[in-house]
């Protein structure tokens, strides 16, 4: 799979634009992805903060990650506009029977596929060679467009996970 996504991001957005990443517990089907793409487009076209349009963009990456971006150099994002984006994601959850808010499931690229792993099984996966320090990890905690471009898909060793696990045990 081609893991390049940066070229799809709107270049007119400030590097400090706010970012929210929502990871789905499964891959969306093609029909679902097309419908979600329409919902995201409709949402960003009507996204407002205190009545003022938000310069926003939304993406479905790799059929499993919804990324919302708001350029606050144009219009600040208020609590109400953030709430409306959360409502959108909750509506997607309901409509497609998925979970988009589970922050305890981690996503990695293993054998050129996205693999989900409960955080509680992280050390087991390392100890048994399923992931290693160079395995690519989706760091959904990124908060800006700049971080999305440089720190979203990174090796485990460069992420916050490196402090949670030990790579010292070798697999025989």
Protein backbone atom coordinates (compact mmCIF):
# COMPACT_ATOMS: atom_id res chain seq x y z
CA UNK A 1 0.00 0.00 0.00
CA UNK A 2 1.11 3.55 -0.65
CA UNK A 3 1.44 5.29 2.73
CA UNK A 4 1.94 8.77 1.26
CA UNK A 5 -0.77 11.21 2.28
CA UNK A 6 0.92 14.59 2.73
CA UNK A 7 0.41 15.61 -0.90
CA UNK A 8 -3.37 15.29 -0.35
CA UNK A 9 -3.40 17.95 2.38
CA UNK A 10 -4.52 21.44 1.41
CA UNK A 11 -1.32 23.48 1.08
CA UNK A 12 -3.13 26.73 1.85
CA UNK A 13 -3.63 25.71 5.50
CA UNK A 14 -1.25 27.18 8.08
CA UNK A 15 1.22 24.69 9.57
CA UNK A 16 -0.26 25.42 13.01
CA UNK A 17 -3.80 24.49 11.92
CA UNK A 18 -5.56 22.30 14.50
CA UNK A 19 -5.89 18.62 13.72
CA UNK A 20 -8.10 15.85 15.09
CA UNK A 21 -7.48 12.22 14.12
CA UNK A 22 -10.18 9.60 14.59
CA UNK A 23 -9.21 5.96 14.10
CA UNK A 24 -11.85 3.44 13.13
CA UNK A 25 -11.88 -0.04 14.64
CA UNK A 26 -12.09 -1.50 11.13
CA UNK A 27 -11.53 -0.66 7.50
CA UNK A 28 -14.50 1.01 5.83
CA UNK A 29 -15.90 -0.66 2.72
CA UNK A 30 -15.61 1.22 -0.55
CA UNK A 31 -19.31 2.17 -0.48
CA UNK A 32 -18.98 3.38 3.13
CA UNK A 33 -15.82 5.35 2.28
CA UNK A 34 -17.55 7.12 -0.60
CA UNK A 35 -20.51 8.02 1.62
CA UNK A 36 -18.19 9.20 4.42
CA UNK A 37 -16.26 11.34 1.96
CA UNK A 38 -19.55 13.06 1.05
CA UNK A 39 -20.45 13.56 4.73
CA UNK A 40 -17.02 15.07 5.42
CA UNK A 41 -17.29 17.43 2.45
CA UNK A 42 -20.78 18.56 3.48
CA UNK A 43 -19.61 19.10 7.06
CA UNK A 44 -16.58 21.22 6.19
CA UNK A 45 -18.64 23.35 3.78
CA UNK A 46 -21.07 24.29 6.58
CA UNK A 47 -18.64 24.20 9.56
CA UNK A 48 -19.03 27.42 11.55
CA UNK A 49 -17.69 29.01 14.71
CA UNK A 50 -20.08 31.55 16.22
CA UNK A 51 -21.69 31.98 12.81
CA UNK A 52 -18.40 32.53 10.96
CA UNK A 53 -17.31 29.85 8.48
CA UNK A 54 -14.37 27.73 9.65
CA UNK A 55 -11.59 27.20 7.12
CA UNK A 56 -11.76 23.45 7.49
CA UNK A 57 -10.90 20.31 5.65
CA UNK A 58 -11.57 16.65 6.28
CA UNK A 59 -10.02 13.49 4.94
CA UNK A 60 -10.54 9.75 5.10
CA UNK A 61 -7.05 8.28 4.98
CA UNK A 62 -6.27 4.63 4.30
CA UNK A 63 -9.97 3.79 4.61
CA UNK A 64 -9.69 3.88 8.40
CA UNK A 65 -8.67 7.33 9.71
CA UNK A 66 -10.79 10.47 9.62
CA UNK A 67 -8.67 13.62 9.89
CA UNK A 68 -10.25 17.02 10.50
CA UNK A 69 -8.22 20.21 10.08
CA UNK A 70 -9.21 23.75 11.04
CA UNK A 71 -7.05 26.72 10.07
CA UNK A 72 -7.46 29.01 13.04
CA UNK A 73 -5.53 31.84 11.39
CA UNK A 74 -8.78 32.44 9.49
CA UNK A 75 -11.36 31.71 12.23
CA UNK A 76 -10.82 30.37 15.74
CA UNK A 77 -12.55 27.10 16.55
CA UNK A 78 -14.91 27.43 19.50
CA UNK A 79 -16.32 24.79 21.82
CA UNK A 80 -19.53 24.70 19.81
CA UNK A 81 -17.73 24.16 16.50
CA UNK A 82 -15.60 21.42 18.09
CA UNK A 83 -18.79 19.84 19.47
CA UNK A 84 -20.30 19.85 15.97
CA UNK A 85 -17.28 17.94 14.63
CA UNK A 86 -17.57 15.38 17.45
CA UNK A 87 -21.27 14.99 16.61
CA UNK A 88 -20.30 14.27 13.00
CA UNK A 89 -17.92 11.50 14.10
CA UNK A 90 -20.54 10.07 16.48
CA UNK A 91 -23.08 10.09 13.64
CA UNK A 92 -20.59 8.16 11.48
CA UNK A 93 -20.14 5.68 14.34
CA UNK A 94 -23.92 5.13 14.55
CA UNK A 95 -24.52 4.96 10.82
CA UNK A 96 -21.74 2.45 10.09
CA UNK A 97 -21.69 0.53 13.41
CA UNK A 98 -18.04 1.35 14.15
CA UNK A 99 -15.99 2.74 17.02
CA UNK A 100 -14.07 5.96 16.34
CA UNK A 101 -13.24 6.94 19.94
CA UNK A 102 -11.28 3.97 21.31
CA UNK A 103 -7.95 5.50 22.33
CA UNK A 104 -6.71 2.21 23.84
CA UNK A 105 -6.38 0.48 20.46
CA UNK A 106 -3.17 1.29 18.63
CA UNK A 107 -2.57 1.11 14.87
CA UNK A 108 0.65 -0.10 13.27
CA UNK A 109 1.84 -0.90 9.76
CA UNK A 110 2.81 -4.58 9.77
CA UNK A 111 3.57 -6.43 6.54
CA UNK A 112 2.25 -3.43 4.58
CA UNK A 113 -1.17 -3.52 6.28
CA UNK A 114 -2.76 -1.59 9.12
CA UNK A 115 -2.91 -3.83 12.18
CA UNK A 116 -4.79 -2.83 15.33
CA UNK A 117 -3.51 -3.85 18.75
CA UNK A 118 -4.99 -3.27 22.20
CA UNK A 119 -2.56 -1.24 24.29
CA UNK A 120 -2.67 -3.98 26.93
CA UNK A 121 -1.02 -6.37 24.44
CA UNK A 122 1.75 -4.02 23.36
CA UNK A 123 4.60 -5.60 25.35
CA UNK A 124 3.45 -9.09 24.32
CA UNK A 125 3.57 -8.03 20.65
CA UNK A 126 7.11 -6.69 21.11
CA UNK A 127 8.29 -9.75 23.07
CA UNK A 128 6.98 -12.08 20.37
CA UNK A 129 8.36 -10.14 17.41
CA UNK A 130 5.09 -8.88 15.97
CA UNK A 131 6.33 -5.30 16.27
CA UNK A 132 9.77 -3.81 16.88
CA UNK A 133 11.28 -0.39 17.44
CA UNK A 134 11.20 0.36 13.69
CA UNK A 135 7.58 -0.69 13.15
CA UNK A 136 5.56 2.26 11.88
CA UNK A 137 2.94 3.54 14.31
CA UNK A 138 -0.01 5.89 13.75
CA UNK A 139 0.48 8.59 16.38
CA UNK A 140 -3.10 9.88 16.50
CA UNK A 141 -2.15 12.39 19.20
CA UNK A 142 -0.84 14.88 16.64
CA UNK A 143 -2.44 18.29 17.14
CA UNK A 144 -1.30 20.48 14.24
CA UNK A 145 -0.96 20.19 10.48
CA UNK A 146 2.82 20.35 10.89
CA UNK A 147 2.73 17.41 13.33
CA UNK A 148 0.35 15.52 11.03
CA UNK A 149 2.91 15.89 8.24
CA UNK A 150 5.96 14.96 10.32
CA UNK A 151 4.87 12.92 13.34
CA UNK A 152 1.74 10.97 12.43
CA UNK A 153 3.25 7.81 10.91
CA UNK A 154 6.49 7.26 12.77
CA UNK A 155 8.66 4.40 14.04
CA UNK A 156 7.60 3.14 17.48
CA UNK A 157 11.03 4.17 18.84
CA UNK A 158 10.25 7.82 18.00
CA UNK A 159 6.81 7.79 19.64
CA UNK A 160 5.49 8.11 23.19
CA UNK A 161 5.10 4.31 23.15
CA UNK A 162 8.85 3.85 23.45
CA UNK A 163 8.57 4.86 27.13
CA UNK A 164 5.87 2.23 27.75
CA UNK A 165 7.66 -0.84 26.38
CA UNK A 166 10.99 -2.62 26.59
CA UNK A 167 12.74 -3.82 23.44
CA UNK A 168 15.47 -5.64 25.38
CA UNK A 169 13.91 -9.11 25.20
CA UNK A 170 14.91 -10.81 21.98
CA UNK A 171 12.86 -13.32 20.04
CA UNK A 172 14.56 -16.68 19.56
